[in-house]
Amino acid sequence: MISISKFRQLAGKEAQGLTDEEIEQIIDAQCQFAELAFDTWVIKKGLKQKLNRDIDSK
């Protein structure tokens, strides 16, 4: 997860007027979307079973 200050730096003018709480909500939503996108990619590529086997073997 990125910091609020890094988010403000990257977003530039788009972040002006947003509170820290609003930025935290945006960052959280982005992380949730990224997790969903990754999980979908794993399933589509058929990697889920392989990842589970790798995790279980550790």
PDB file of N, CA and C in Angstrom:
ATOM      1  N   MET A   1       0.852  -1.166   0.000  1.00  0.00           N
ATOM      2  CA  MET A   1       0.000   0.000   0.000  1.00  0.00           C
ATOM      3  C   MET A   1       0.906   1.240   0.000  1.00  0.00           C
ATOM      4  N   ILE A   2       0.465   2.263  -0.711  1.00  0.00           N
ATOM      5  CA  ILE A   2       1.265   3.485  -0.751  1.00  0.00           C
ATOM      6  C   ILE A   2       0.827   4.441   0.362  1.00  0.00           C
ATOM      7  N   SER A   3       1.692   5.346   0.701  1.00  0.00           N
ATOM      8  CA  SER A   3       1.390   6.314   1.756  1.00  0.00           C
ATOM      9  C   SER A   3       0.488   7.417   1.199  1.00  0.00           C
ATOM     10  N   ILE A   4      -0.120   8.135   2.104  1.00  0.00           N
ATOM     11  CA  ILE A   4      -0.977   9.251   1.704  1.00  0.00           C
ATOM     12  C   ILE A   4      -0.156  10.307   0.982  1.00  0.00           C
ATOM     13  N   SER A   5       1.039  10.578   1.481  1.00  0.00           N
ATOM     14  CA  SER A   5       1.874  11.599   0.839  1.00  0.00           C
ATOM     15  C   SER A   5       2.288  11.168  -0.569  1.00  0.00           C
ATOM     16  N   LYS A   6       2.594   9.881  -0.742  1.00  0.00           N
ATOM     17  CA  LYS A   6       2.951   9.382  -2.074  1.00  0.00           C
ATOM     18  C   LYS A   6       1.743   9.457  -3.007  1.00  0.00           C
ATOM     19  N   PHE A   7       0.568   9.133  -2.494  1.00  0.00           N
ATOM     20  CA  PHE A   7      -0.655   9.244  -3.283  1.00  0.00           C
ATOM     21  C   PHE A   7      -0.855  10.685  -3.739  1.00  0.00           C
ATOM     22  N   ARG A   8      -0.705  11.627  -2.804  1.00  0.00           N
ATOM     23  CA  ARG A   8      -0.877  13.045  -3.154  1.00  0.00           C
ATOM     24  C   ARG A   8       0.130  13.454  -4.238  1.00  0.00           C
ATOM     25  N   GLN A   9       1.361  12.984  -4.104  1.00  0.00           N
ATOM     26  CA  GLN A   9       2.406  13.299  -5.074  1.00  0.00           C
ATOM     27  C   GLN A   9       2.030  12.754  -6.453  1.00  0.00           C
ATOM     28  N   LEU A  10       1.588  11.510  -6.499  1.00  0.00           N
ATOM     29  CA  LEU A  10       1.250  10.881  -7.775  1.00  0.00           C
ATOM     30  C   LEU A  10      -0.028  11.453  -8.392  1.00  0.00           C
ATOM     31  N   ALA A  11      -0.998  11.792  -7.556  1.00  0.00           N
ATOM     32  CA  ALA A  11      -2.286  12.291  -8.055  1.00  0.00           C
ATOM     33  C   ALA A  11      -2.238  13.770  -8.428  1.00  0.00           C
ATOM     34  N   GLY A  12      -1.298  14.496  -7.848  1.00  0.00           N
ATOM     35  CA  GLY A  12      -1.153  15.914  -8.180  1.00  0.00           C
ATOM     36  C   GLY A  12      -2.410  16.720  -7.896  1.00  0.00           C
ATOM     37  N   LYS A  13      -2.851  17.481  -8.886  1.00  0.00           N
ATOM     38  CA  LYS A  13      -4.013  18.363  -8.718  1.00  0.00           C
ATOM     39  C   LYS A  13      -5.293  17.590  -8.384  1.00  0.00           C
ATOM     40  N   GLU A  14      -5.365  16.349  -8.842  1.00  0.00           N
ATOM     41  CA  GLU A  14      -6.555  15.533  -8.589  1.00  0.00           C
ATOM     42  C   GLU A  14      -6.777  15.273  -7.099  1.00  0.00           C
ATOM     43  N   ALA A  15      -5.702  15.334  -6.315  1.00  0.00           N
ATOM     44  CA  ALA A  15      -5.807  15.055  -4.879  1.00  0.00           C
ATOM     45  C   ALA A  15      -6.098  16.310  -4.062  1.00  0.00           C
ATOM     46  N   GLN A  16      -6.015  17.458  -4.696  1.00  0.00           N
ATOM     47  CA  GLN A  16      -6.278  18.698  -3.966  1.00  0.00           C
ATOM     48  C   GLN A  16      -7.719  18.697  -3.475  1.00  0.00           C
ATOM     49  N   GLY A  17      -7.903  19.062  -2.239  1.00  0.00           N
ATOM     50  CA  GLY A  17      -9.238  19.132  -1.668  1.00  0.00           C
ATOM     51  C   GLY A  17      -9.706  17.828  -1.040  1.00  0.00           C
ATOM     52  N   LEU A  18      -8.952  16.753  -1.215  1.00  0.00           N
ATOM     53  CA  LEU A  18      -9.310  15.488  -0.584  1.00  0.00           C
ATOM     54  C   LEU A  18      -8.717  15.426   0.818  1.00  0.00           C
ATOM     55  N   THR A  19      -9.498  14.914   1.741  1.00  0.00           N
ATOM     56  CA  THR A  19      -8.981  14.729   3.099  1.00  0.00           C
ATOM     57  C   THR A  19      -8.127  13.464   3.142  1.00  0.00           C
ATOM     58  N   ASP A  20      -7.336  13.335   4.195  1.00  0.00           N
ATOM     59  CA  ASP A  20      -6.541  12.122   4.364  1.00  0.00           C
ATOM     60  C   ASP A  20      -7.448  10.887   4.428  1.00  0.00           C
ATOM     61  N   GLU A  21      -8.590  11.022   5.081  1.00  0.00           N
ATOM     62  CA  GLU A  21      -9.531   9.901   5.190  1.00  0.00           C
ATOM     63  C   GLU A  21     -10.060   9.500   3.812  1.00  0.00           C
ATOM     64  N   GLU A  22     -10.369  10.475   2.981  1.00  0.00           N
ATOM     65  CA  GLU A  22     -10.844  10.176   1.626  1.00  0.00           C
ATOM     66  C   GLU A  22      -9.757   9.469   0.808  1.00  0.00           C
ATOM     67  N   ILE A  23      -8.527   9.919   0.978  1.00  0.00           N
ATOM     68  CA  ILE A  23      -7.413   9.290   0.269  1.00  0.00           C
ATOM     69  C   ILE A  23      -7.209   7.863   0.769  1.00  0.00           C
ATOM     70  N   GLU A  24      -7.315   7.652   2.078  1.00  0.00           N
ATOM     71  CA  GLU A  24      -7.203   6.295   2.622  1.00  0.00           C
ATOM     72  C   GLU A  24      -8.277   5.387   2.033  1.00  0.00           C
ATOM     73  N   GLN A  25      -9.490   5.914   1.864  1.00  0.00           N
ATOM     74  CA  GLN A  25     -10.570   5.125   1.278  1.00  0.00           C
ATOM     75  C   GLN A  25     -10.262   4.777  -0.182  1.00  0.00           C
ATOM     76  N   ILE A  26      -9.702   5.719  -0.910  1.00  0.00           N
ATOM     77  CA  ILE A  26      -9.333   5.471  -2.307  1.00  0.00           C
ATOM     78  C   ILE A  26      -8.226   4.421  -2.380  1.00  0.00           C
ATOM     79  N   ILE A  27      -7.225   4.563  -1.529  1.00  0.00           N
ATOM     80  CA  ILE A  27      -6.115   3.600  -1.512  1.00  0.00           C
ATOM     81  C   ILE A  27      -6.637   2.210  -1.167  1.00  0.00           C
ATOM     82  N   ASP A  28      -7.518   2.117  -0.176  1.00  0.00           N
ATOM     83  CA  ASP A  28      -8.093   0.822   0.208  1.00  0.00           C
ATOM     84  C   ASP A  28      -8.869   0.209  -0.959  1.00  0.00           C
ATOM     85  N   ALA A  29      -9.661   1.029  -1.644  1.00  0.00           N
ATOM     86  CA  ALA A  29     -10.440   0.537  -2.784  1.00  0.00           C
ATOM     87  C   ALA A  29      -9.517   0.058  -3.904  1.00  0.00           C
ATOM     88  N   GLN A  30      -8.434   0.789  -4.138  1.00  0.00           N
ATOM     89  CA  GLN A  30      -7.477   0.378  -5.169  1.00  0.00           C
ATOM     90  C   GLN A  30      -6.829  -0.955  -4.806  1.00  0.00           C
ATOM     91  N   CYS A  31      -6.492  -1.136  -3.545  1.00  0.00           N
ATOM     92  CA  CYS A  31      -5.885  -2.398  -3.102  1.00  0.00           C
ATOM     93  C   CYS A  31      -6.868  -3.553  -3.258  1.00  0.00           C
ATOM     94  N   GLN A  32      -8.123  -3.322  -2.922  1.00  0.00           N
ATOM     95  CA  GLN A  32      -9.137  -4.363  -3.075  1.00  0.00           C
ATOM     96  C   GLN A  32      -9.316  -4.718  -4.550  1.00  0.00           C
ATOM     97  N   PHE A  33      -9.336  -3.719  -5.413  1.00  0.00           N
ATOM     98  CA  PHE A  33      -9.468  -3.974  -6.836  1.00  0.00           C
ATOM     99  C   PHE A  33      -8.257  -4.741  -7.363  1.00  0.00           C
ATOM    100  N   ALA A  34      -7.073  -4.354  -6.927  1.00  0.00           N
ATOM    101  CA  ALA A  34      -5.859  -5.042  -7.370  1.00  0.00           C
ATOM    102  C   ALA A  34      -5.888  -6.511  -6.935  1.00  0.00           C
ATOM    103  N   GLU A  35      -6.330  -6.765  -5.720  1.00  0.00           N
ATOM    104  CA  GLU A  35      -6.427  -8.143  -5.234  1.00  0.00           C
ATOM    105  C   GLU A  35      -7.435  -8.940  -6.062  1.00  0.00           C
ATOM    106  N   LEU A  36      -8.569  -8.334  -6.352  1.00  0.00           N
ATOM    107  CA  LEU A  36      -9.577  -8.988  -7.175  1.00  0.00           C
ATOM    108  C   LEU A  36      -9.045  -9.276  -8.576  1.00  0.00           C
ATOM    109  N   ALA A  37      -8.371  -8.297  -9.167  1.00  0.00           N
ATOM    110  CA  ALA A  37      -7.814  -8.477 -10.509  1.00  0.00           C
ATOM    111  C   ALA A  37      -6.777  -9.593 -10.514  1.00  0.00           C
ATOM    112  N   PHE A  38      -5.930  -9.643  -9.504  1.00  0.00           N
ATOM    113  CA  PHE A  38      -4.917 -10.693  -9.423  1.00  0.00           C
ATOM    114  C   PHE A  38      -5.569 -12.057  -9.247  1.00  0.00           C
ATOM    115  N   ASP A  39      -6.526 -12.151  -8.337  1.00  0.00           N
ATOM    116  CA  ASP A  39      -7.209 -13.427  -8.115  1.00  0.00           C
ATOM    117  C   ASP A  39      -7.889 -13.913  -9.392  1.00  0.00           C
ATOM    118  N   THR A  40      -8.504 -13.010 -10.135  1.00  0.00           N
ATOM    119  CA  THR A  40      -9.152 -13.364 -11.396  1.00  0.00           C
ATOM    120  C   THR A  40      -8.128 -13.852 -12.398  1.00  0.00           C
ATOM    121  N   TRP A  41      -6.993 -13.200 -12.467  1.00  0.00           N
ATOM    122  CA  TRP A  41      -5.922 -13.610 -13.377  1.00  0.00           C
ATOM    123  C   TRP A  41      -5.428 -15.002 -13.019  1.00  0.00           C
ATOM    124  N   VAL A  42      -5.233 -15.246 -11.729  1.00  0.00           N
ATOM    125  CA  VAL A  42      -4.758 -16.552 -11.274  1.00  0.00           C
ATOM    126  C   VAL A  42      -5.743 -17.641 -11.690  1.00  0.00           C
ATOM    127  N   ILE A  43      -7.018 -17.398 -11.479  1.00  0.00           N
ATOM    128  CA  ILE A  43      -8.039 -18.388 -11.825  1.00  0.00           C
ATOM    129  C   ILE A  43      -8.063 -18.624 -13.334  1.00  0.00           C
ATOM    130  N   LYS A  44      -8.036 -17.554 -14.115  1.00  0.00           N
ATOM    131  CA  LYS A  44      -8.080 -17.693 -15.568  1.00  0.00           C
ATOM    132  C   LYS A  44      -6.859 -18.416 -16.116  1.00  0.00           C
ATOM    133  N   LYS A  45      -5.736 -18.235 -15.505  1.00  0.00           N
ATOM    134  CA  LYS A  45      -4.508 -18.883 -15.964  1.00  0.00           C
ATOM    135  C   LYS A  45      -4.368 -20.304 -15.412  1.00  0.00           C
ATOM    136  N   GLY A  46      -5.285 -20.699 -14.541  1.00  0.00           N
ATOM    137  CA  GLY A  46      -5.220 -22.035 -13.971  1.00  0.00           C
ATOM    138  C   GLY A  46      -4.095 -22.196 -12.964  1.00  0.00           C
ATOM    139  N   LEU A  47      -3.696 -21.110 -12.379  1.00  0.00           N
ATOM    140  CA  LEU A  47      -2.571 -21.148 -11.440  1.00  0.00           C
ATOM    141  C   LEU A  47      -3.007 -21.395 -10.006  1.00  0.00           C
ATOM    142  N   LYS A  48      -4.304 -21.342  -9.751  1.00  0.00           N
ATOM    143  CA  LYS A  48      -4.769 -21.444  -8.376  1.00  0.00           C
ATOM    144  C   LYS A  48      -4.310 -22.741  -7.722  1.00  0.00           C
ATOM    145  N   GLN A  49      -4.471 -23.875  -8.402  1.00  0.00           N
ATOM    146  CA  GLN A  49      -4.057 -25.155  -7.817  1.00  0.00           C
ATOM    147  C   GLN A  49      -2.555 -25.185  -7.590  1.00  0.00           C
ATOM    148  N   LYS A  50      -1.788 -24.663  -8.540  1.00  0.00           N
ATOM    149  CA  LYS A  50      -0.331 -24.646  -8.395  1.00  0.00           C
ATOM    150  C   LYS A  50       0.080 -23.781  -7.210  1.00  0.00           C
ATOM    151  N   LEU A  51      -0.522 -22.593  -7.076  1.00  0.00           N
ATOM    152  CA  LEU A  51      -0.190 -21.717  -5.954  1.00  0.00           C
ATOM    153  C   LEU A  51      -0.547 -22.375  -4.632  1.00  0.00           C
ATOM    154  N   ASN A  52      -1.699 -23.015  -4.570  1.00  0.00           N
ATOM    155  CA  ASN A  52      -2.104 -23.689  -3.334  1.00  0.00           C
ATOM    156  C   ASN A  52      -1.138 -24.810  -2.989  1.00  0.00           C
ATOM    157  N   ARG A  53      -0.698 -25.588  -3.987  1.00  0.00           N
ATOM    158  CA  ARG A  53       0.267 -26.665  -3.728  1.00  0.00           C
ATOM    159  C   ARG A  53       1.585 -26.082  -3.216  1.00  0.00           C
ATOM    160  N   ASP A  54       2.024 -24.985  -3.823  1.00  0.00           N
ATOM    161  CA  ASP A  54       3.280 -24.365  -3.390  1.00  0.00           C
ATOM    162  C   ASP A  54       3.178 -23.868  -1.950  1.00  0.00           C
ATOM    163  N   ILE A  55       2.056 -23.290  -1.605  1.00  0.00           N
ATOM    164  CA  ILE A  55       1.853 -22.769  -0.242  1.00  0.00           C
ATOM    165  C   ILE A  55       1.775 -23.925   0.749  1.00  0.00           C
ATOM    166  N   ASP A  56       1.023 -24.980   0.378  1.00  0.00           N
ATOM    167  CA  ASP A  56       0.861 -26.122   1.280  1.00  0.00           C
ATOM    168  C   ASP A  56       2.173 -26.859   1.517  1.00  0.00           C
ATOM    169  N   SER A  57       3.058 -26.825   0.545  1.00  0.00           N
ATOM    170  CA  SER A  57       4.334 -27.563   0.697  1.00  0.00           C
ATOM    171  C   SER A  57       5.326 -26.827   1.585  1.00  0.00           C
ATOM    172  N   LYS A  58       5.047 -25.613   1.945  1.00  0.00           N
ATOM    173  CA  LYS A  58       5.976 -24.840   2.794  1.00  0.00           C
ATOM    174  C   LYS A  58       5.703 -25.051   4.253  1.00  0.00           C
TER     175      LYS A  58
END
